[in-house]
């Protein structure tokens, strides 16, 4: 049992699997930190989440954005996309390392074939991730859009450890499953903390966030 575990550790530490092993560790840590309320999740906003995105003309977009659009990697939180790419890439890379890469002697060919496999696995992982999130994106598009500004004036509860002008989330009871909103505060002394009640005083359309102030005790 111990020998098999050591073999497993060795394989996931080999190039190119080590790249995806690092990515899996990163997204796992991010999920843990997010669940603890120490950070918030951002979405990849490359247009309407459910709209028809024209991928035939990417000349006006950057390379990274164009690549994301081409593979359909938009409309859901970025961490979900990274998680899927990391897990699929790790599995494919691990299979390659286990059955093919071990037959290549160390040296230039080892890294040459490994780099080729890394690129191939990354492309396949992005393609498969795009296929997986496609129905999720379409279902999101079917959800009636709410007027975000209508939440202004309502009271929400801070769910992150702190709230700054660049970071923060709050839970709003909307009478249903509840909403997780991105919030920002201009308070220099950073008094807001997890569990505090805040008033949504302004909706910032350009960043899809709410400016908040603490609820004053009566």
Protein backbone atom coordinates (compact mmCIF):
# COMPACT_ATOMS: atom_id res chain seq x y z
CA UNK A 1 0.00 0.00 0.00
CA UNK A 2 2.75 2.40 0.94
CA UNK A 3 4.69 1.50 -2.19
CA UNK A 4 1.65 2.19 -4.39
CA UNK A 5 1.19 5.56 -2.68
CA UNK A 6 4.82 6.48 -3.31
CA UNK A 7 4.45 5.52 -6.97
CA UNK A 8 1.36 7.71 -7.20
CA UNK A 9 3.15 10.67 -5.62
CA UNK A 10 6.06 10.19 -8.01
CA UNK A 11 3.80 10.17 -11.06
CA UNK A 12 1.89 13.32 -10.11
CA UNK A 13 5.23 15.04 -9.51
CA UNK A 14 6.56 14.29 -12.99
CA UNK A 15 6.48 16.76 -15.86
CA UNK A 16 3.97 17.69 -17.25
CA UNK A 17 1.54 16.31 -14.61
CA UNK A 18 3.18 18.48 -11.95
CA UNK A 19 1.73 21.56 -13.70
CA UNK A 20 -1.84 20.34 -13.29
CA UNK A 21 -1.11 19.02 -9.80
CA UNK A 22 -0.17 22.57 -8.85
CA UNK A 23 -3.35 23.93 -10.44
CA UNK A 24 -5.51 21.41 -8.57
CA UNK A 25 -3.84 22.39 -5.30
CA UNK A 26 -4.43 26.07 -6.08
CA UNK A 27 -8.16 25.74 -6.87
CA UNK A 28 -8.64 23.44 -3.86
CA UNK A 29 -7.07 26.07 -1.61
CA UNK A 30 -9.21 28.77 -3.23
CA UNK A 31 -12.41 26.77 -2.61
CA UNK A 32 -11.45 26.28 1.04
CA UNK A 33 -10.67 29.98 1.48
CA UNK A 34 -13.92 30.93 -0.28
CA UNK A 35 -16.01 28.61 1.90
CA UNK A 36 -14.42 30.19 4.96
CA UNK A 37 -15.58 33.56 3.67
CA UNK A 38 -12.11 34.98 3.13
CA UNK A 39 -12.61 35.79 -0.55
CA UNK A 40 -15.36 36.06 -3.15
CA UNK A 41 -15.89 34.37 -6.49
CA UNK A 42 -15.72 36.36 -9.69
CA UNK A 43 -17.43 35.55 -12.97
CA UNK A 44 -15.93 35.65 -16.42
CA UNK A 45 -17.97 38.41 -18.03
CA UNK A 46 -17.25 38.14 -21.74
CA UNK A 47 -20.67 39.25 -22.77
CA UNK A 48 -24.16 38.12 -21.89
CA UNK A 49 -23.97 34.82 -20.03
CA UNK A 50 -26.66 33.32 -22.16
CA UNK A 51 -26.46 35.43 -25.26
CA UNK A 52 -25.10 34.51 -28.62
CA UNK A 53 -21.42 35.39 -28.65
CA UNK A 54 -19.84 35.89 -32.04
CA UNK A 55 -16.62 33.88 -32.01
CA UNK A 56 -16.05 34.20 -35.75
CA UNK A 57 -14.59 37.67 -35.34
CA UNK A 58 -12.13 37.90 -32.46
CA UNK A 59 -9.93 40.60 -33.92
CA UNK A 60 -11.24 43.22 -31.50
CA UNK A 61 -10.55 41.11 -28.41
CA UNK A 62 -7.36 40.21 -26.63
CA UNK A 63 -5.74 36.83 -27.18
CA UNK A 64 -6.78 35.44 -23.79
CA UNK A 65 -10.34 36.74 -24.05
CA UNK A 66 -10.64 35.47 -27.61
CA UNK A 67 -9.38 32.05 -26.54
CA UNK A 68 -11.92 31.89 -23.71
CA UNK A 69 -14.71 32.83 -26.10
CA UNK A 70 -13.58 30.31 -28.69
CA UNK A 71 -13.82 27.45 -26.19
CA UNK A 72 -17.04 28.76 -24.62
CA UNK A 73 -15.38 29.49 -21.29
CA UNK A 74 -17.63 32.28 -20.05
CA UNK A 75 -20.90 32.88 -18.24
CA UNK A 76 -19.97 31.05 -15.02
CA UNK A 77 -17.59 31.90 -12.14
CA UNK A 78 -13.95 31.75 -13.21
CA UNK A 79 -13.05 29.41 -10.34
CA UNK A 80 -15.46 26.79 -11.71
CA UNK A 81 -13.80 27.00 -15.13
CA UNK A 82 -10.33 26.72 -13.59
CA UNK A 83 -11.43 23.81 -11.42
CA UNK A 84 -12.75 21.83 -14.38
CA UNK A 85 -9.72 22.55 -16.55
CA UNK A 86 -7.40 21.58 -13.69
CA UNK A 87 -9.17 18.32 -12.85
CA UNK A 88 -9.60 17.19 -16.47
CA UNK A 89 -6.06 18.21 -17.32
CA UNK A 90 -4.68 16.45 -14.25
CA UNK A 91 -6.47 13.20 -15.11
CA UNK A 92 -5.40 13.22 -18.78
CA UNK A 93 -1.84 14.22 -17.90
CA UNK A 94 -1.66 11.51 -15.23
CA UNK A 95 -2.75 8.87 -17.76
CA UNK A 96 -0.13 10.13 -20.21
CA UNK A 97 2.58 10.02 -17.54
CA UNK A 98 1.53 6.53 -16.45
CA UNK A 99 1.34 4.84 -19.86
CA UNK A 100 3.40 6.83 -22.36
CA UNK A 101 5.79 9.33 -20.81
CA UNK A 102 7.49 6.72 -18.64
CA UNK A 103 8.84 5.08 -21.79
CA UNK A 104 10.74 8.23 -22.78
CA UNK A 105 14.25 8.55 -21.37
CA UNK A 106 15.14 11.69 -19.49
CA UNK A 107 16.70 14.45 -21.53
CA UNK A 108 15.61 16.74 -24.34
CA UNK A 109 13.07 14.25 -25.72
CA UNK A 110 11.55 13.85 -22.27
CA UNK A 111 10.74 17.54 -22.00
CA UNK A 112 9.96 17.91 -25.71
CA UNK A 113 7.30 15.19 -25.63
CA UNK A 114 6.15 16.41 -22.22
CA UNK A 115 5.63 19.97 -23.49
CA UNK A 116 3.73 18.67 -26.51
CA UNK A 117 1.52 16.59 -24.22
CA UNK A 118 1.00 19.60 -21.92
CA UNK A 119 -0.29 21.75 -24.78
CA UNK A 120 -2.48 18.94 -26.14
CA UNK A 121 -3.95 18.14 -22.72
CA UNK A 122 -4.59 21.83 -22.00
CA UNK A 123 -6.47 22.30 -25.29
CA UNK A 124 -8.54 19.13 -24.74
CA UNK A 125 -9.28 20.18 -21.15
CA UNK A 126 -10.50 23.62 -22.26
CA UNK A 127 -12.64 22.05 -24.99
CA UNK A 128 -14.23 19.54 -22.60
CA UNK A 129 -14.77 22.24 -19.98
CA UNK A 130 -16.56 24.35 -22.56
CA UNK A 131 -18.85 21.41 -23.36
CA UNK A 132 -19.59 20.81 -19.67
CA UNK A 133 -20.47 24.40 -18.80
CA UNK A 134 -22.47 25.03 -21.98
CA UNK A 135 -25.77 23.66 -20.58
CA UNK A 136 -25.11 25.48 -17.28
CA UNK A 137 -24.69 28.76 -19.14
CA UNK A 138 -27.88 28.15 -21.14
CA UNK A 139 -29.85 27.38 -17.97
CA UNK A 140 -28.56 30.57 -16.38
CA UNK A 141 -29.79 32.47 -19.43
CA UNK A 142 -33.32 31.11 -18.88
CA UNK A 143 -33.48 32.55 -15.36
CA UNK A 144 -35.40 35.83 -15.42
CA UNK A 145 -33.00 38.72 -14.91
CA UNK A 146 -33.65 40.87 -11.85
CA UNK A 147 -33.25 44.57 -11.62
CA UNK A 148 -30.16 44.75 -9.43
CA UNK A 149 -30.85 48.35 -8.48
CA UNK A 150 -34.11 47.22 -6.85
CA UNK A 151 -32.04 45.74 -4.03
CA UNK A 152 -30.80 49.18 -3.03
CA UNK A 153 -32.03 50.05 0.46
CA UNK A 154 -32.28 46.44 1.58
CA UNK A 155 -30.32 44.94 4.46
CA UNK A 156 -27.82 42.13 3.88
CA UNK A 157 -25.41 40.18 6.09
CA UNK A 158 -21.65 40.21 5.46
CA UNK A 159 -20.33 36.69 4.71
CA UNK A 160 -16.65 37.44 4.11
CA UNK A 161 -14.19 38.08 6.93
CA UNK A 162 -13.86 41.72 5.90
CA UNK A 163 -15.15 44.24 3.38
CA UNK A 164 -12.92 46.66 1.49
CA UNK A 165 -13.17 48.80 -1.65
CA UNK A 166 -11.99 45.79 -3.67
CA UNK A 167 -13.38 42.75 -1.86
CA UNK A 168 -16.46 41.57 0.00
CA UNK A 169 -19.64 39.52 -0.20
CA UNK A 170 -22.98 39.64 1.58
CA UNK A 171 -26.01 37.35 1.77
CA UNK A 172 -29.39 38.89 1.02
CA UNK A 173 -32.64 37.18 2.01
CA UNK A 174 -34.88 37.61 -1.04
CA UNK A 175 -37.63 35.32 0.19
CA UNK A 176 -36.28 32.40 -1.80
CA UNK A 177 -32.93 30.64 -1.86
CA UNK A 178 -31.17 33.91 -1.07
CA UNK A 179 -28.66 35.97 -3.01
CA UNK A 180 -24.89 36.28 -2.67
CA UNK A 181 -23.94 39.83 -3.62
CA UNK A 182 -20.57 41.47 -4.18
CA UNK A 183 -20.24 44.45 -1.88
CA UNK A 184 -17.70 47.22 -1.44
CA UNK A 185 -17.06 49.69 1.36
CA UNK A 186 -15.12 52.96 1.38
CA UNK A 187 -14.59 52.82 5.14
CA UNK A 188 -10.89 53.39 5.74
CA UNK A 189 -10.85 51.74 9.16
CA UNK A 190 -12.39 48.54 7.74
CA UNK A 191 -14.94 48.08 10.52
CA UNK A 192 -17.19 45.69 8.65
CA UNK A 193 -16.69 42.03 9.44
CA UNK A 194 -18.42 38.68 8.96
CA UNK A 195 -21.94 38.63 10.39
CA UNK A 196 -22.43 42.41 10.35
CA UNK A 197 -25.61 43.82 8.84
CA UNK A 198 -25.20 46.36 6.05
CA UNK A 199 -27.47 48.54 3.95
CA UNK A 200 -27.11 48.38 0.18
CA UNK A 201 -26.89 52.09 -0.59
CA UNK A 202 -25.84 52.09 -4.25
CA UNK A 203 -25.55 49.65 -7.15
CA UNK A 204 -22.40 50.04 -9.24
CA UNK A 205 -23.37 48.76 -12.67
CA UNK A 206 -19.87 48.81 -14.18
CA UNK A 207 -18.53 46.39 -11.56
CA UNK A 208 -21.79 44.59 -10.64
CA UNK A 209 -21.24 45.44 -6.98
CA UNK A 210 -23.05 47.29 -4.20
CA UNK A 211 -21.66 50.06 -2.06
CA UNK A 212 -22.70 49.43 1.53
CA UNK A 213 -22.77 51.09 4.92
CA UNK A 214 -23.21 49.44 8.32
CA UNK A 215 -26.67 49.28 9.90
CA UNK A 216 -26.77 51.81 12.70
CA UNK A 217 -27.99 50.55 16.05
CA UNK A 218 -31.16 52.24 17.18
